[in-house]
């Protein structure tokens, strides 16, 4: 068995690729457009023509596809073989060129593998590095793939203190259960995550409004698949915004854009520019 398969079998790692495989059923041009709009907004550009884009931990492959639609030459990789297969399926489904979109299996903790990829104008790693078990090492290694003047776009789980420790316990419980019993953790978590919204919107006469609008407001993602990802996602690490800022500043990066969860759960997003070789 591969290391990845062993970790799944032991309940030490969540099957992200399987979750992404189910998500692919809902990927259409509208979701691709939402993902592309997200990249345009965060990277502050309408085009990635003549630029190299690294999707480190590509997941479903949706944002690799979005980068291709913006004109980039894309390299995608993931540690989970099922995620690699998802990305390859998207490339085939949407008729993208293999010459301009390379897809492979690899780890953000494998320094030699990363060096073999070269340098990039944009390194994108959204919601990935905190699932490695070695967040700060992973951040350092992917940061080294940014060419001088290039961008590092990362999203990392917000450190909520005690709440984050509670969610870690939930995730461990979920992954240790047999598949057929995981609903015992998943359904109460769904109620905790979405219940207040449903109640508030129902009282406003607009039940389920934010659930239905999720794809358009959340990078083309699926609310249900994101709940499953959140509840199951192991390994699980968190960071405070100032920790991210300090680590990247020490590596020669300047913060260009940031949004935080203001104490809530989910990812803080950062775009850094490499300003010091």
C-alpha atoms as a PDB file:
ATOM      1  CA  UNK A   1       0.000   0.000   0.000  1.00  0.00           C
ATOM      2  CA  UNK A   2       1.119   3.568  -0.658  1.00  0.00           C
ATOM      3  CA  UNK A   3       1.782   5.881   2.275  1.00  0.00           C
ATOM      4  CA  UNK A   4      -1.386   7.771   1.404  1.00  0.00           C
ATOM      5  CA  UNK A   5      -3.449   4.568   1.461  1.00  0.00           C
ATOM      6  CA  UNK A   6      -1.955   3.533   4.799  1.00  0.00           C
ATOM      7  CA  UNK A   7      -2.834   6.905   6.329  1.00  0.00           C
ATOM      8  CA  UNK A   8      -6.405   6.561   5.081  1.00  0.00           C
ATOM      9  CA  UNK A   9      -6.664   3.051   6.457  1.00  0.00           C
ATOM     10  CA  UNK A  10      -5.428   4.173   9.873  1.00  0.00           C
ATOM     11  CA  UNK A  11      -7.894   7.059  10.024  1.00  0.00           C
ATOM     12  CA  UNK A  12      -5.019   9.547  10.039  1.00  0.00           C
ATOM     13  CA  UNK A  13      -6.033  11.221   6.790  1.00  0.00           C
ATOM     14  CA  UNK A  14      -9.296  12.201   5.151  1.00  0.00           C
ATOM     15  CA  UNK A  15     -10.063  11.045   1.615  1.00  0.00           C
ATOM     16  CA  UNK A  16     -10.134  14.471   0.008  1.00  0.00           C
ATOM     17  CA  UNK A  17      -9.985  13.026  -3.493  1.00  0.00           C
ATOM     18  CA  UNK A  18     -13.138  10.978  -2.995  1.00  0.00           C
ATOM     19  CA  UNK A  19     -14.960  14.085  -1.811  1.00  0.00           C
ATOM     20  CA  UNK A  20     -13.710  15.978  -4.868  1.00  0.00           C
ATOM     21  CA  UNK A  21     -14.845  13.156  -7.151  1.00  0.00           C
ATOM     22  CA  UNK A  22     -18.405  13.681  -5.948  1.00  0.00           C
ATOM     23  CA  UNK A  23     -18.026  17.437  -6.346  1.00  0.00           C
ATOM     24  CA  UNK A  24     -17.117  17.007 -10.025  1.00  0.00           C
ATOM     25  CA  UNK A  25     -20.692  15.940 -10.712  1.00  0.00           C
ATOM     26  CA  UNK A  26     -21.740  19.560 -10.191  1.00  0.00           C
ATOM     27  CA  UNK A  27     -18.907  21.291 -12.064  1.00  0.00           C
ATOM     28  CA  UNK A  28     -20.199  23.177 -15.088  1.00  0.00           C
ATOM     29  CA  UNK A  29     -19.294  26.353 -16.942  1.00  0.00           C
ATOM     30  CA  UNK A  30     -20.992  28.496 -14.288  1.00  0.00           C
ATOM     31  CA  UNK A  31     -18.752  27.086 -11.549  1.00  0.00           C
ATOM     32  CA  UNK A  32     -15.691  27.501 -13.753  1.00  0.00           C
ATOM     33  CA  UNK A  33     -16.662  31.132 -14.295  1.00  0.00           C
ATOM     34  CA  UNK A  34     -17.025  31.645 -10.519  1.00  0.00           C
ATOM     35  CA  UNK A  35     -13.567  30.156  -9.946  1.00  0.00           C
ATOM     36  CA  UNK A  36     -12.055  32.270 -12.719  1.00  0.00           C
ATOM     37  CA  UNK A  37     -13.664  35.412 -11.270  1.00  0.00           C
ATOM     38  CA  UNK A  38     -12.172  34.570  -7.876  1.00  0.00           C
ATOM     39  CA  UNK A  39      -8.669  34.294  -9.360  1.00  0.00           C
ATOM     40  CA  UNK A  40      -9.082  37.529 -11.303  1.00  0.00           C
ATOM     41  CA  UNK A  41     -10.143  39.359  -8.154  1.00  0.00           C
ATOM     42  CA  UNK A  42      -7.465  37.985  -5.869  1.00  0.00           C
ATOM     43  CA  UNK A  43      -4.594  38.196  -8.360  1.00  0.00           C
ATOM     44  CA  UNK A  44      -5.820  41.566  -9.639  1.00  0.00           C
ATOM     45  CA  UNK A  45      -5.459  40.651 -13.282  1.00  0.00           C
ATOM     46  CA  UNK A  46      -7.710  39.765 -16.199  1.00  0.00           C
ATOM     47  CA  UNK A  47      -5.089  37.602 -17.883  1.00  0.00           C
ATOM     48  CA  UNK A  48      -2.370  35.110 -17.000  1.00  0.00           C
ATOM     49  CA  UNK A  49      -1.058  34.853 -20.546  1.00  0.00           C
ATOM     50  CA  UNK A  50       2.625  33.876 -20.740  1.00  0.00           C
ATOM     51  CA  UNK A  51       2.694  33.108 -17.001  1.00  0.00           C
ATOM     52  CA  UNK A  52       3.388  29.820 -15.205  1.00  0.00           C
ATOM     53  CA  UNK A  53       0.832  28.814 -12.568  1.00  0.00           C
ATOM     54  CA  UNK A  54       1.486  26.101  -9.970  1.00  0.00           C
ATOM     55  CA  UNK A  55      -1.562  24.541  -8.285  1.00  0.00           C
ATOM     56  CA  UNK A  56       0.058  22.883  -5.257  1.00  0.00           C
ATOM     57  CA  UNK A  57      -2.550  20.466  -3.927  1.00  0.00           C
ATOM     58  CA  UNK A  58      -4.946  20.775  -6.851  1.00  0.00           C
ATOM     59  CA  UNK A  59      -7.914  18.904  -5.311  1.00  0.00           C
ATOM     60  CA  UNK A  60     -10.715  18.866  -7.859  1.00  0.00           C
ATOM     61  CA  UNK A  61      -8.628  20.741 -10.439  1.00  0.00           C
ATOM     62  CA  UNK A  62     -11.226  23.515 -10.701  1.00  0.00           C
ATOM     63  CA  UNK A  63      -8.759  26.325 -10.080  1.00  0.00           C
ATOM     64  CA  UNK A  64      -6.179  24.821 -12.388  1.00  0.00           C
ATOM     65  CA  UNK A  65      -8.863  24.941 -15.053  1.00  0.00           C
ATOM     66  CA  UNK A  66      -9.708  28.522 -14.098  1.00  0.00           C
ATOM     67  CA  UNK A  67      -6.028  29.485 -14.464  1.00  0.00           C
ATOM     68  CA  UNK A  68      -5.925  27.858 -17.900  1.00  0.00           C
ATOM     69  CA  UNK A  69      -9.001  29.841 -18.902  1.00  0.00           C
ATOM     70  CA  UNK A  70      -7.063  32.968 -17.941  1.00  0.00           C
ATOM     71  CA  UNK A  71      -4.257  31.912 -20.276  1.00  0.00           C
ATOM     72  CA  UNK A  72      -1.683  30.452 -17.880  1.00  0.00           C
ATOM     73  CA  UNK A  73       0.566  27.478 -18.477  1.00  0.00           C
ATOM     74  CA  UNK A  74      -0.447  25.252 -15.528  1.00  0.00           C
ATOM     75  CA  UNK A  75       1.276  22.599 -13.459  1.00  0.00           C
ATOM     76  CA  UNK A  76      -1.017  20.746 -11.043  1.00  0.00           C
ATOM     77  CA  UNK A  77      -0.176  18.113  -8.470  1.00  0.00           C
ATOM     78  CA  UNK A  78      -1.711  16.470  -5.430  1.00  0.00           C
ATOM     79  CA  UNK A  79      -0.723  13.932  -2.791  1.00  0.00           C
ATOM     80  CA  UNK A  80      -4.061  12.124  -3.133  1.00  0.00           C
ATOM     81  CA  UNK A  81      -4.212   9.912  -6.271  1.00  0.00           C
ATOM     82  CA  UNK A  82      -7.983  10.396  -6.441  1.00  0.00           C
ATOM     83  CA  UNK A  83      -7.504  14.173  -6.609  1.00  0.00           C
ATOM     84  CA  UNK A  84      -5.013  13.719  -9.445  1.00  0.00           C
ATOM     85  CA  UNK A  85      -7.622  11.632 -11.271  1.00  0.00           C
ATOM     86  CA  UNK A  86     -10.257  14.332 -10.699  1.00  0.00           C
ATOM     87  CA  UNK A  87      -7.997  16.987 -12.176  1.00  0.00           C
ATOM     88  CA  UNK A  88      -7.231  14.802 -15.187  1.00  0.00           C
ATOM     89  CA  UNK A  89     -10.965  14.254 -15.685  1.00  0.00           C
ATOM     90  CA  UNK A  90     -11.602  18.006 -15.702  1.00  0.00           C
ATOM     91  CA  UNK A  91      -8.807  18.581 -18.196  1.00  0.00           C
ATOM     92  CA  UNK A  92     -10.355  15.989 -20.515  1.00  0.00           C
ATOM     93  CA  UNK A  93     -13.947  17.103 -19.973  1.00  0.00           C
ATOM     94  CA  UNK A  94     -13.214  20.722 -20.830  1.00  0.00           C
ATOM     95  CA  UNK A  95     -10.870  19.934 -23.721  1.00  0.00           C
ATOM     96  CA  UNK A  96      -7.705  21.513 -22.348  1.00  0.00           C
ATOM     97  CA  UNK A  97      -4.266  20.837 -23.825  1.00  0.00           C
ATOM     98  CA  UNK A  98      -1.866  18.495 -22.030  1.00  0.00           C
ATOM     99  CA  UNK A  99       0.974  20.589 -23.404  1.00  0.00           C
ATOM    100  CA  UNK A 100      -0.272  23.612 -21.453  1.00  0.00           C
ATOM    101  CA  UNK A 101      -1.579  21.783 -18.391  1.00  0.00           C
ATOM    102  CA  UNK A 102       0.638  19.215 -16.703  1.00  0.00           C
ATOM    103  CA  UNK A 103      -0.864  17.034 -13.928  1.00  0.00           C
ATOM    104  CA  UNK A 104       0.980  14.716 -11.563  1.00  0.00           C
ATOM    105  CA  UNK A 105       1.123  13.086  -8.155  1.00  0.00           C
ATOM    106  CA  UNK A 106       3.420  14.573  -5.525  1.00  0.00           C
ATOM    107  CA  UNK A 107       3.739  16.067  -2.069  1.00  0.00           C
ATOM    108  CA  UNK A 108       4.289  19.657  -0.996  1.00  0.00           C
ATOM    109  CA  UNK A 109       6.723  18.198   1.559  1.00  0.00           C
ATOM    110  CA  UNK A 110       8.919  16.596  -1.120  1.00  0.00           C
ATOM    111  CA  UNK A 111      11.640  19.186  -1.673  1.00  0.00           C
ATOM    112  CA  UNK A 112      13.313  17.360  -4.554  1.00  0.00           C
ATOM    113  CA  UNK A 113       9.998  16.918  -6.372  1.00  0.00           C
ATOM    114  CA  UNK A 114       9.151  20.583  -5.978  1.00  0.00           C
ATOM    115  CA  UNK A 115      12.542  21.709  -7.234  1.00  0.00           C
ATOM    116  CA  UNK A 116      12.046  19.605 -10.356  1.00  0.00           C
ATOM    117  CA  UNK A 117       9.020  21.747 -11.261  1.00  0.00           C
ATOM    118  CA  UNK A 118      10.979  24.991 -11.573  1.00  0.00           C
ATOM    119  CA  UNK A 119       9.805  28.489 -10.698  1.00  0.00           C
ATOM    120  CA  UNK A 120       6.386  30.065 -11.241  1.00  0.00           C
ATOM    121  CA  UNK A 121       4.775  33.466 -11.645  1.00  0.00           C
ATOM    122  CA  UNK A 122       1.903  32.335  -9.411  1.00  0.00           C
ATOM    123  CA  UNK A 123       1.977  29.614  -6.777  1.00  0.00           C
ATOM    124  CA  UNK A 124      -1.531  28.774  -5.620  1.00  0.00           C
ATOM    125  CA  UNK A 125      -2.235  26.543  -2.635  1.00  0.00           C
ATOM    126  CA  UNK A 126      -5.725  27.107  -1.298  1.00  0.00           C
ATOM    127  CA  UNK A 127      -6.679  25.143   1.810  1.00  0.00           C
ATOM    128  CA  UNK A 128      -3.871  22.612   1.382  1.00  0.00           C
ATOM    129  CA  UNK A 129      -0.828  23.264   3.545  1.00  0.00           C
ATOM    130  CA  UNK A 130      -2.703  22.843   6.832  1.00  0.00           C
ATOM    131  CA  UNK A 131      -3.532  19.267   5.775  1.00  0.00           C
ATOM    132  CA  UNK A 132       0.097  18.136   5.502  1.00  0.00           C
ATOM    133  CA  UNK A 133       0.942  17.639   9.159  1.00  0.00           C
ATOM    134  CA  UNK A 134       3.861  20.055   8.673  1.00  0.00           C
ATOM    135  CA  UNK A 135       2.290  23.421   7.820  1.00  0.00           C
ATOM    136  CA  UNK A 136       5.348  25.644   8.214  1.00  0.00           C
ATOM    137  CA  UNK A 137       7.663  23.343   6.295  1.00  0.00           C
ATOM    138  CA  UNK A 138       5.099  23.107   3.500  1.00  0.00           C
ATOM    139  CA  UNK A 139       4.717  26.905   3.393  1.00  0.00           C
ATOM    140  CA  UNK A 140       8.480  27.348   3.149  1.00  0.00           C
ATOM    141  CA  UNK A 141       8.858  24.778   0.369  1.00  0.00           C
ATOM    142  CA  UNK A 142       6.036  26.063  -1.855  1.00  0.00           C
ATOM    143  CA  UNK A 143       7.234  29.625  -1.274  1.00  0.00           C
ATOM    144  CA  UNK A 144      10.564  28.660  -2.814  1.00  0.00           C
ATOM    145  CA  UNK A 145       8.764  27.899  -6.097  1.00  0.00           C
ATOM    146  CA  UNK A 146       7.802  31.572  -6.579  1.00  0.00           C
ATOM    147  CA  UNK A 147      10.018  33.464  -9.004  1.00  0.00           C
ATOM    148  CA  UNK A 148      11.228  36.971  -7.977  1.00  0.00           C
ATOM    149  CA  UNK A 149       8.328  39.371  -8.390  1.00  0.00           C
ATOM    150  CA  UNK A 150       5.854  36.491  -8.461  1.00  0.00           C
ATOM    151  CA  UNK A 151       2.828  35.811  -6.262  1.00  0.00           C
ATOM    152  CA  UNK A 152       2.082  33.291  -3.543  1.00  0.00           C
ATOM    153  CA  UNK A 153      -1.658  32.831  -2.974  1.00  0.00           C
ATOM    154  CA  UNK A 154      -2.451  30.663   0.045  1.00  0.00           C
ATOM    155  CA  UNK A 155      -5.405  30.014   2.318  1.00  0.00           C
ATOM    156  CA  UNK A 156      -4.846  28.584   5.794  1.00  0.00           C
ATOM    157  CA  UNK A 157      -7.293  27.582   8.530  1.00  0.00           C
ATOM    158  CA  UNK A 158      -7.812  30.289  11.117  1.00  0.00           C
ATOM    159  CA  UNK A 159      -6.607  29.556  14.646  1.00  0.00           C
ATOM    160  CA  UNK A 160      -9.673  29.745  16.895  1.00  0.00           C
ATOM    161  CA  UNK A 161      -7.921  28.530  20.015  1.00  0.00           C
ATOM    162  CA  UNK A 162     -10.166  26.176  21.996  1.00  0.00           C
ATOM    163  CA  UNK A 163     -12.678  25.910  19.149  1.00  0.00           C
ATOM    164  CA  UNK A 164      -9.949  24.670  16.802  1.00  0.00           C
ATOM    165  CA  UNK A 165      -8.970  22.005  19.337  1.00  0.00           C
ATOM    166  CA  UNK A 166     -12.604  20.924  19.532  1.00  0.00           C
ATOM    167  CA  UNK A 167     -12.825  20.636  15.743  1.00  0.00           C
ATOM    168  CA  UNK A 168      -9.636  18.562  15.735  1.00  0.00           C
ATOM    169  CA  UNK A 169     -11.336  16.102  18.085  1.00  0.00           C
ATOM    170  CA  UNK A 170     -14.392  16.038  15.799  1.00  0.00           C
ATOM    171  CA  UNK A 171     -12.221  15.301  12.758  1.00  0.00           C
ATOM    172  CA  UNK A 172     -10.404  12.487  14.520  1.00  0.00           C
ATOM    173  CA  UNK A 173     -13.708  10.943  15.591  1.00  0.00           C
ATOM    174  CA  UNK A 174     -15.084  11.163  12.052  1.00  0.00           C
ATOM    175  CA  UNK A 175     -12.095   9.465  10.439  1.00  0.00           C
ATOM    176  CA  UNK A 176     -11.923   6.678  13.020  1.00  0.00           C
ATOM    177  CA  UNK A 177     -15.536   5.661  12.443  1.00  0.00           C
ATOM    178  CA  UNK A 178     -16.529   3.106   9.792  1.00  0.00           C
ATOM    179  CA  UNK A 179     -17.848   4.855   6.690  1.00  0.00           C
ATOM    180  CA  UNK A 180     -21.396   3.767   7.422  1.00  0.00           C
ATOM    181  CA  UNK A 181     -21.388   5.484  10.819  1.00  0.00           C
ATOM    182  CA  UNK A 182     -19.709   8.767   9.937  1.00  0.00           C
ATOM    183  CA  UNK A 183     -23.099  10.439   9.646  1.00  0.00           C
ATOM    184  CA  UNK A 184     -23.165  10.351  13.473  1.00  0.00           C
ATOM    185  CA  UNK A 185     -20.480  13.056  13.419  1.00  0.00           C
ATOM    186  CA  UNK A 186     -21.359  14.706  10.120  1.00  0.00           C
ATOM    187  CA  UNK A 187     -25.012  15.573  10.764  1.00  0.00           C
ATOM    188  CA  UNK A 188     -24.495  17.288  14.152  1.00  0.00           C
ATOM    189  CA  UNK A 189     -21.592  19.196  12.597  1.00  0.00           C
ATOM    190  CA  UNK A 190     -23.808  20.296   9.715  1.00  0.00           C
ATOM    191  CA  UNK A 191     -26.324  21.586  12.239  1.00  0.00           C
ATOM    192  CA  UNK A 192     -23.601  23.468  14.124  1.00  0.00           C
ATOM    193  CA  UNK A 193     -22.146  25.007  10.968  1.00  0.00           C
ATOM    194  CA  UNK A 194     -25.315  25.874   9.074  1.00  0.00           C
ATOM    195  CA  UNK A 195     -28.134  25.745  11.632  1.00  0.00           C
ATOM    196  CA  UNK A 196     -27.911  29.393  12.743  1.00  0.00           C
ATOM    197  CA  UNK A 197     -27.999  30.558   9.106  1.00  0.00           C
ATOM    198  CA  UNK A 198     -31.026  28.423   8.291  1.00  0.00           C
ATOM    199  CA  UNK A 199     -32.920  29.696  11.346  1.00  0.00           C
ATOM    200  CA  UNK A 200     -32.069  33.337  10.691  1.00  0.00           C
ATOM    201  CA  UNK A 201     -32.938  33.188   6.982  1.00  0.00           C
ATOM    202  CA  UNK A 202     -36.168  31.308   7.676  1.00  0.00           C
ATOM    203  CA  UNK A 203     -37.227  34.038  10.091  1.00  0.00           C
ATOM    204  CA  UNK A 204     -36.415  36.562   7.371  1.00  0.00           C
ATOM    205  CA  UNK A 205     -38.643  34.678   4.945  1.00  0.00           C
ATOM    206  CA  UNK A 206     -35.686  33.528   2.827  1.00  0.00           C
ATOM    207  CA  UNK A 207     -34.959  29.951   3.957  1.00  0.00           C
ATOM    208  CA  UNK A 208     -31.799  28.438   2.472  1.00  0.00           C
ATOM    209  CA  UNK A 209     -30.750  31.622   0.660  1.00  0.00           C
ATOM    210  CA  UNK A 210     -27.034  31.427   1.505  1.00  0.00           C
ATOM    211  CA  UNK A 211     -26.921  27.669   0.813  1.00  0.00           C
ATOM    212  CA  UNK A 212     -28.329  28.201  -2.690  1.00  0.00           C
ATOM    213  CA  UNK A 213     -26.013  31.149  -3.363  1.00  0.00           C
ATOM    214  CA  UNK A 214     -22.913  29.395  -2.037  1.00  0.00           C
ATOM    215  CA  UNK A 215     -21.276  28.555  -5.366  1.00  0.00           C
ATOM    216  CA  UNK A 216     -21.451  32.145  -6.597  1.00  0.00           C
ATOM    217  CA  UNK A 217     -20.146  33.584  -3.334  1.00  0.00           C
ATOM    218  CA  UNK A 218     -17.601  30.891  -2.415  1.00  0.00           C
ATOM    219  CA  UNK A 219     -15.287  30.391  -5.404  1.00  0.00           C
ATOM    220  CA  UNK A 220     -17.634  28.004  -7.204  1.00  0.00           C
ATOM    221  CA  UNK A 221     -17.576  25.486  -4.359  1.00  0.00           C
ATOM    222  CA  UNK A 222     -20.391  23.239  -3.083  1.00  0.00           C
ATOM    223  CA  UNK A 223     -21.748  23.880   0.446  1.00  0.00           C
ATOM    224  CA  UNK A 224     -22.298  20.185   1.181  1.00  0.00           C
ATOM    225  CA  UNK A 225     -18.890  19.092  -0.134  1.00  0.00           C
ATOM    226  CA  UNK A 226     -17.219  21.876   1.864  1.00  0.00           C
ATOM    227  CA  UNK A 227     -18.996  20.699   5.021  1.00  0.00           C
ATOM    228  CA  UNK A 228     -17.750  17.149   4.436  1.00  0.00           C
ATOM    229  CA  UNK A 229     -14.247  18.481   3.755  1.00  0.00           C
ATOM    230  CA  UNK A 230     -14.295  20.581   6.919  1.00  0.00           C
ATOM    231  CA  UNK A 231     -15.614  17.854   9.209  1.00  0.00           C
ATOM    232  CA  UNK A 232     -13.346  15.131   7.837  1.00  0.00           C
ATOM    233  CA  UNK A 233     -10.219  17.101   7.011  1.00  0.00           C
ATOM    234  CA  UNK A 234      -7.187  15.462   8.592  1.00  0.00           C
ATOM    235  CA  UNK A 235      -4.351  16.260   9.172  1.00  0.00           C
ATOM    236  CA  UNK A 236      -5.512  19.579  10.609  1.00  0.00           C
ATOM    237  CA  UNK A 237      -3.401  22.593  11.581  1.00  0.00           C
ATOM    238  CA  UNK A 238      -4.239  26.247  12.080  1.00  0.00           C
ATOM    239  CA  UNK A 239      -2.402  29.569  12.097  1.00  0.00           C
ATOM    240  CA  UNK A 240      -3.035  33.103  13.203  1.00  0.00           C
ATOM    241  CA  UNK A 241      -2.805  35.808  10.509  1.00  0.00           C
ATOM    242  CA  UNK A 242       0.229  37.380  12.180  1.00  0.00           C
ATOM    243  CA  UNK A 243       2.048  34.049  12.104  1.00  0.00           C
ATOM    244  CA  UNK A 244       1.509  33.816   8.359  1.00  0.00           C
ATOM    245  CA  UNK A 245       2.638  37.399   7.873  1.00  0.00           C
ATOM    246  CA  UNK A 246       5.805  36.920   9.938  1.00  0.00           C
ATOM    247  CA  UNK A 247       6.769  33.651   8.229  1.00  0.00           C
ATOM    248  CA  UNK A 248       6.340  35.038   4.734  1.00  0.00           C
ATOM    249  CA  UNK A 249       8.024  38.334   5.528  1.00  0.00           C
ATOM    250  CA  UNK A 250      11.067  36.418   6.786  1.00  0.00           C
ATOM    251  CA  UNK A 251      11.155  34.553   3.454  1.00  0.00           C
ATOM    252  CA  UNK A 252      11.237  37.796   1.449  1.00  0.00           C
ATOM    253  CA  UNK A 253       7.528  38.244   0.717  1.00  0.00           C
ATOM    254  CA  UNK A 254       5.428  41.390   0.982  1.00  0.00           C
ATOM    255  CA  UNK A 255       1.716  41.122   1.785  1.00  0.00           C
ATOM    256  CA  UNK A 256      -0.458  42.419  -1.057  1.00  0.00           C
ATOM    257  CA  UNK A 257      -3.909  41.272   0.021  1.00  0.00           C
ATOM    258  CA  UNK A 258      -5.530  39.491   2.936  1.00  0.00           C
ATOM    259  CA  UNK A 259      -8.908  38.569   4.320  1.00  0.00           C
ATOM    260  CA  UNK A 260      -9.463  36.901   7.675  1.00  0.00           C
ATOM    261  CA  UNK A 261     -12.274  35.025   9.377  1.00  0.00           C
ATOM    262  CA  UNK A 262     -12.372  37.544  12.236  1.00  0.00           C
ATOM    263  CA  UNK A 263     -12.178  34.807  14.846  1.00  0.00           C
ATOM    264  CA  UNK A 264     -14.460  32.379  13.014  1.00  0.00           C
ATOM    265  CA  UNK A 265     -13.756  29.006  11.447  1.00  0.00           C
ATOM    266  CA  UNK A 266     -12.540  28.584   7.894  1.00  0.00           C
ATOM    267  CA  UNK A 267      -9.580  29.915   5.939  1.00  0.00           C
ATOM    268  CA  UNK A 268      -7.733  33.187   6.101  1.00  0.00           C
ATOM    269  CA  UNK A 269      -6.581  34.120   2.583  1.00  0.00           C
ATOM    270  CA  UNK A 270      -3.302  35.799   1.666  1.00  0.00           C
ATOM    271  CA  UNK A 271      -1.586  37.011  -1.477  1.00  0.00           C
ATOM    272  CA  UNK A 272       2.124  37.711  -1.044  1.00  0.00           C
ATOM    273  CA  UNK A 273       4.617  39.028  -3.601  1.00  0.00           C
ATOM    274  CA  UNK A 274       8.245  37.886  -3.558  1.00  0.00           C
ATOM    275  CA  UNK A 275      10.115  41.166  -3.334  1.00  0.00           C
ATOM    276  CA  UNK A 276      13.440  39.886  -2.020  1.00  0.00           C
ATOM    277  CA  UNK A 277      15.374  37.097  -3.805  1.00  0.00           C
END
